[in-house]
Amino acid sequence: MMKSLKNFFMLLSMLSIMMCSCTAFANYPTHLYGDKNFILCDGHMGSAWYVDRSSLNVQKYEPPQYIIAVNVVRVDNADRGSTEIKNVHTYRFFYNSDLGQMYVDFNNNDNWRYLNPQGSWAETGISMPAGEIAFALAYNYKFYGDRAYYSDDFYNRIF
């Protein structure tokens, strides 16, 4: 009896954590200013990051290799209604579709860092969802897709 009660509370705790994380992400606007050019790619501790669709720049198209640059804007306190852009940063992404690998270059110097689709938020943070959005915008195709656990809701923001 004690073991089943313990399992029940553990299951209840896990469900509560999952529900809180899902509802917390719901506090970030899907599109900044309601403008579909600014697509929510990630939210963390009140800040939200948006990919600027209008800045998309395909720099290399030589399948299976691609390079795409895109601006990502940061809005602090977005979960409380702020829409003030605090930072704009250009991210460059290198993709190899044969290998199924995505890389990011933060400083525009071809210093590529691999983005593991199974990596932690600390490893992939804003970069991987921004790179996934950039590829989907450019080619109407999911790059990491299910391998990175992106939901239909994630892709509905893009397409």
C-alpha atoms as a PDB file:
ATOM      1  CA  MET A   1       0.000   0.000   0.000  1.00  0.00           C
ATOM      2  CA  MET A   2       2.786   2.410   0.969  1.00  0.00           C
ATOM      3  CA  LYS A   3       4.687   1.740  -2.262  1.00  0.00           C
ATOM      4  CA  SER A   4       1.635   2.372  -4.456  1.00  0.00           C
ATOM      5  CA  LEU A   5       0.903   5.595  -2.561  1.00  0.00           C
ATOM      6  CA  LYS A   6       4.479   6.707  -3.065  1.00  0.00           C
ATOM      7  CA  ASN A   7       4.230   5.923  -6.813  1.00  0.00           C
ATOM      8  CA  PHE A   8       0.958   7.829  -7.021  1.00  0.00           C
ATOM      9  CA  PHE A   9       2.490  10.969  -5.471  1.00  0.00           C
ATOM     10  CA  MET A  10       5.532  10.683  -7.696  1.00  0.00           C
ATOM     11  CA  LEU A  11       3.301  10.492 -10.781  1.00  0.00           C
ATOM     12  CA  LEU A  12       1.237  13.426  -9.527  1.00  0.00           C
ATOM     13  CA  SER A  13       4.396  15.477  -8.989  1.00  0.00           C
ATOM     14  CA  MET A  14       5.670  14.709 -12.498  1.00  0.00           C
ATOM     15  CA  LEU A  15       2.344  15.686 -14.063  1.00  0.00           C
ATOM     16  CA  SER A  16       2.317  18.947 -12.096  1.00  0.00           C
ATOM     17  CA  ILE A  17       5.817  19.836 -13.284  1.00  0.00           C
ATOM     18  CA  MET A  18       4.887  19.096 -16.901  1.00  0.00           C
ATOM     19  CA  MET A  19       1.711  21.173 -16.671  1.00  0.00           C
ATOM     20  CA  CYS A  20       3.572  24.114 -15.146  1.00  0.00           C
ATOM     21  CA  SER A  21       6.264  24.089 -17.816  1.00  0.00           C
ATOM     22  CA  CYS A  22       3.649  23.981 -20.597  1.00  0.00           C
ATOM     23  CA  THR A  23       1.575  26.800 -19.156  1.00  0.00           C
ATOM     24  CA  ALA A  24       4.674  28.892 -18.429  1.00  0.00           C
ATOM     25  CA  PHE A  25       5.646  28.825 -22.114  1.00  0.00           C
ATOM     26  CA  ALA A  26       2.105  29.857 -23.008  1.00  0.00           C
ATOM     27  CA  ASN A  27       2.739  33.286 -21.402  1.00  0.00           C
ATOM     28  CA  TYR A  28       5.052  34.326 -24.245  1.00  0.00           C
ATOM     29  CA  PRO A  29       3.372  35.824 -27.324  1.00  0.00           C
ATOM     30  CA  THR A  30       3.734  33.563 -30.358  1.00  0.00           C
ATOM     31  CA  HIS A  31       4.485  36.570 -32.564  1.00  0.00           C
ATOM     32  CA  LEU A  32       6.008  39.803 -31.258  1.00  0.00           C
ATOM     33  CA  TYR A  33       3.556  42.713 -31.724  1.00  0.00           C
ATOM     34  CA  GLY A  34       1.266  40.149 -33.387  1.00  0.00           C
ATOM     35  CA  ASP A  35       3.600  40.448 -36.411  1.00  0.00           C
ATOM     36  CA  LYS A  36       4.156  37.055 -38.089  1.00  0.00           C
ATOM     37  CA  ASN A  37       7.649  38.228 -39.111  1.00  0.00           C
ATOM     38  CA  PHE A  38       8.726  37.808 -35.467  1.00  0.00           C
ATOM     39  CA  ILE A  39       8.368  34.121 -34.561  1.00  0.00           C
ATOM     40  CA  LEU A  40       8.815  32.939 -30.980  1.00  0.00           C
ATOM     41  CA  CYS A  41      11.706  30.477 -30.892  1.00  0.00           C
ATOM     42  CA  ASP A  42      12.291  30.235 -27.141  1.00  0.00           C
ATOM     43  CA  GLY A  43      11.360  31.661 -23.763  1.00  0.00           C
ATOM     44  CA  HIS A  44      13.257  31.394 -20.507  1.00  0.00           C
ATOM     45  CA  MET A  45      12.903  33.149 -17.139  1.00  0.00           C
ATOM     46  CA  GLY A  46      10.754  35.952 -18.534  1.00  0.00           C
ATOM     47  CA  SER A  47      12.834  36.644 -21.634  1.00  0.00           C
ATOM     48  CA  ALA A  48      11.642  35.629 -25.086  1.00  0.00           C
ATOM     49  CA  TRP A  49      13.593  35.285 -28.313  1.00  0.00           C
ATOM     50  CA  TYR A  50      12.047  35.827 -31.721  1.00  0.00           C
ATOM     51  CA  VAL A  51      13.388  34.966 -35.167  1.00  0.00           C
ATOM     52  CA  ASP A  52      12.958  37.886 -37.572  1.00  0.00           C
ATOM     53  CA  ARG A  53      11.620  36.231 -40.729  1.00  0.00           C
ATOM     54  CA  SER A  54      12.325  39.349 -42.797  1.00  0.00           C
ATOM     55  CA  SER A  55      16.073  39.106 -42.035  1.00  0.00           C
ATOM     56  CA  LEU A  56      16.501  35.552 -43.380  1.00  0.00           C
ATOM     57  CA  ASN A  57      19.538  35.309 -45.669  1.00  0.00           C
ATOM     58  CA  VAL A  58      20.512  32.076 -47.421  1.00  0.00           C
ATOM     59  CA  GLN A  59      24.288  32.395 -47.766  1.00  0.00           C
ATOM     60  CA  LYS A  60      25.039  28.950 -49.154  1.00  0.00           C
ATOM     61  CA  TYR A  61      22.850  26.526 -51.042  1.00  0.00           C
ATOM     62  CA  GLU A  62      24.953  23.546 -52.093  1.00  0.00           C
ATOM     63  CA  PRO A  63      23.013  20.461 -50.967  1.00  0.00           C
ATOM     64  CA  PRO A  64      23.713  18.711 -48.699  1.00  0.00           C
ATOM     65  CA  GLN A  65      25.351  21.845 -47.232  1.00  0.00           C
ATOM     66  CA  TYR A  66      23.499  25.037 -46.401  1.00  0.00           C
ATOM     67  CA  ILE A  67      24.324  28.234 -44.528  1.00  0.00           C
ATOM     68  CA  ILE A  68      21.554  30.542 -43.352  1.00  0.00           C
ATOM     69  CA  ALA A  69      21.830  33.774 -41.353  1.00  0.00           C
ATOM     70  CA  VAL A  70      18.923  35.255 -39.438  1.00  0.00           C
ATOM     71  CA  ASN A  71      18.406  37.931 -36.807  1.00  0.00           C
ATOM     72  CA  VAL A  72      17.091  36.922 -33.404  1.00  0.00           C
ATOM     73  CA  VAL A  73      15.661  39.587 -31.100  1.00  0.00           C
ATOM     74  CA  ARG A  74      15.430  39.350 -27.302  1.00  0.00           C
ATOM     75  CA  VAL A  75      12.580  40.821 -25.286  1.00  0.00           C
ATOM     76  CA  ASP A  76      12.939  40.883 -21.508  1.00  0.00           C
ATOM     77  CA  ASN A  77       9.816  40.505 -19.350  1.00  0.00           C
ATOM     78  CA  ALA A  78       7.892  39.239 -22.370  1.00  0.00           C
ATOM     79  CA  ASP A  79       5.933  36.972 -20.046  1.00  0.00           C
ATOM     80  CA  ARG A  80       4.574  40.145 -18.392  1.00  0.00           C
ATOM     81  CA  GLY A  81       3.621  41.921 -21.612  1.00  0.00           C
ATOM     82  CA  SER A  82       6.811  43.801 -22.483  1.00  0.00           C
ATOM     83  CA  THR A  83       7.467  44.208 -26.220  1.00  0.00           C
ATOM     84  CA  GLU A  84      10.640  46.297 -26.008  1.00  0.00           C
ATOM     85  CA  ILE A  85      13.473  44.750 -28.014  1.00  0.00           C
ATOM     86  CA  LYS A  86      16.608  44.670 -25.852  1.00  0.00           C
ATOM     87  CA  ASN A  87      19.005  42.975 -28.223  1.00  0.00           C
ATOM     88  CA  VAL A  88      19.315  41.936 -31.870  1.00  0.00           C
ATOM     89  CA  HIS A  89      21.888  39.304 -32.756  1.00  0.00           C
ATOM     90  CA  THR A  90      22.627  37.672 -36.101  1.00  0.00           C
ATOM     91  CA  TYR A  91      22.962  33.906 -35.889  1.00  0.00           C
ATOM     92  CA  ARG A  92      24.540  31.904 -38.712  1.00  0.00           C
ATOM     93  CA  PHE A  93      23.690  28.252 -39.113  1.00  0.00           C
ATOM     94  CA  PHE A  94      25.482  25.567 -41.074  1.00  0.00           C
ATOM     95  CA  TYR A  95      23.496  22.461 -41.981  1.00  0.00           C
ATOM     96  CA  ASN A  96      24.611  19.148 -43.427  1.00  0.00           C
ATOM     97  CA  SER A  97      21.504  17.237 -44.427  1.00  0.00           C
ATOM     98  CA  ASP A  98      23.405  14.037 -45.300  1.00  0.00           C
ATOM     99  CA  LEU A  99      24.791  13.859 -41.768  1.00  0.00           C
ATOM    100  CA  GLY A 100      21.679  15.377 -40.168  1.00  0.00           C
ATOM    101  CA  GLN A 101      23.773  17.929 -38.290  1.00  0.00           C
ATOM    102  CA  MET A 102      23.280  21.611 -37.512  1.00  0.00           C
ATOM    103  CA  TYR A 103      25.957  24.046 -36.330  1.00  0.00           C
ATOM    104  CA  VAL A 104      25.857  27.649 -35.123  1.00  0.00           C
ATOM    105  CA  ASP A 105      28.372  30.473 -35.594  1.00  0.00           C
ATOM    106  CA  PHE A 106      27.816  33.328 -33.133  1.00  0.00           C
ATOM    107  CA  ASN A 107      30.570  35.684 -34.230  1.00  0.00           C
ATOM    108  CA  ASN A 108      30.404  35.548 -38.022  1.00  0.00           C
ATOM    109  CA  ASN A 109      33.890  33.981 -38.204  1.00  0.00           C
ATOM    110  CA  ASP A 110      33.082  30.400 -39.290  1.00  0.00           C
ATOM    111  CA  ASN A 111      33.733  29.088 -35.773  1.00  0.00           C
ATOM    112  CA  TRP A 112      30.970  26.463 -35.947  1.00  0.00           C
ATOM    113  CA  ARG A 113      29.590  24.735 -32.840  1.00  0.00           C
ATOM    114  CA  TYR A 114      27.536  21.550 -33.220  1.00  0.00           C
ATOM    115  CA  LEU A 115      23.951  21.654 -31.936  1.00  0.00           C
ATOM    116  CA  ASN A 116      23.069  18.208 -30.609  1.00  0.00           C
ATOM    117  CA  PRO A 117      19.321  17.584 -31.012  1.00  0.00           C
ATOM    118  CA  GLN A 118      19.424  15.662 -27.718  1.00  0.00           C
ATOM    119  CA  GLY A 119      21.460  18.361 -25.922  1.00  0.00           C
ATOM    120  CA  SER A 120      20.369  20.288 -22.856  1.00  0.00           C
ATOM    121  CA  TRP A 121      18.974  23.821 -22.947  1.00  0.00           C
ATOM    122  CA  ALA A 122      22.367  25.076 -21.737  1.00  0.00           C
ATOM    123  CA  GLU A 123      24.000  23.485 -24.796  1.00  0.00           C
ATOM    124  CA  THR A 124      21.428  24.391 -27.424  1.00  0.00           C
ATOM    125  CA  GLY A 125      19.375  27.193 -25.830  1.00  0.00           C
ATOM    126  CA  ILE A 126      18.029  29.683 -28.283  1.00  0.00           C
ATOM    127  CA  SER A 127      20.315  28.512 -31.089  1.00  0.00           C
ATOM    128  CA  MET A 128      18.738  25.197 -32.002  1.00  0.00           C
ATOM    129  CA  PRO A 129      15.109  26.348 -32.194  1.00  0.00           C
ATOM    130  CA  ALA A 130      16.239  29.478 -34.089  1.00  0.00           C
ATOM    131  CA  GLY A 131      18.172  27.272 -36.520  1.00  0.00           C
ATOM    132  CA  GLU A 132      15.209  24.952 -36.928  1.00  0.00           C
ATOM    133  CA  ILE A 133      12.959  27.926 -37.691  1.00  0.00           C
ATOM    134  CA  ALA A 134      15.481  29.397 -40.153  1.00  0.00           C
ATOM    135  CA  PHE A 135      15.721  26.125 -42.098  1.00  0.00           C
ATOM    136  CA  ALA A 136      11.940  25.670 -42.119  1.00  0.00           C
ATOM    137  CA  LEU A 137      11.445  29.233 -43.376  1.00  0.00           C
ATOM    138  CA  ALA A 138      14.034  28.845 -46.131  1.00  0.00           C
ATOM    139  CA  TYR A 139      13.051  25.390 -47.383  1.00  0.00           C
ATOM    140  CA  ASN A 140       9.615  24.623 -45.916  1.00  0.00           C
ATOM    141  CA  TYR A 141      11.185  21.531 -44.378  1.00  0.00           C
ATOM    142  CA  LYS A 142      11.846  20.367 -40.807  1.00  0.00           C
ATOM    143  CA  PHE A 143      15.581  19.859 -40.260  1.00  0.00           C
ATOM    144  CA  TYR A 144      15.764  18.155 -36.838  1.00  0.00           C
ATOM    145  CA  GLY A 145      12.004  17.779 -36.522  1.00  0.00           C
ATOM    146  CA  ASP A 146      11.008  14.877 -34.278  1.00  0.00           C
ATOM    147  CA  ARG A 147      14.633  14.182 -33.301  1.00  0.00           C
ATOM    148  CA  ALA A 148      14.582  17.380 -31.231  1.00  0.00           C
ATOM    149  CA  TYR A 149      11.043  16.875 -29.861  1.00  0.00           C
ATOM    150  CA  TYR A 150       9.511  19.893 -31.585  1.00  0.00           C
ATOM    151  CA  SER A 151       5.746  19.911 -31.342  1.00  0.00           C
ATOM    152  CA  ASP A 152       3.204  20.690 -34.022  1.00  0.00           C
ATOM    153  CA  ASP A 153       2.592  23.965 -32.169  1.00  0.00           C
ATOM    154  CA  PHE A 154       6.236  24.915 -32.759  1.00  0.00           C
ATOM    155  CA  TYR A 155       5.892  24.424 -36.528  1.00  0.00           C
ATOM    156  CA  ASN A 156       2.454  26.053 -36.652  1.00  0.00           C
ATOM    157  CA  ARG A 157       4.160  29.332 -35.676  1.00  0.00           C
ATOM    158  CA  ILE A 158       6.288  29.096 -38.825  1.00  0.00           C
ATOM    159  CA  PHE A 159       4.080  27.678 -41.588  1.00  0.00           C
END
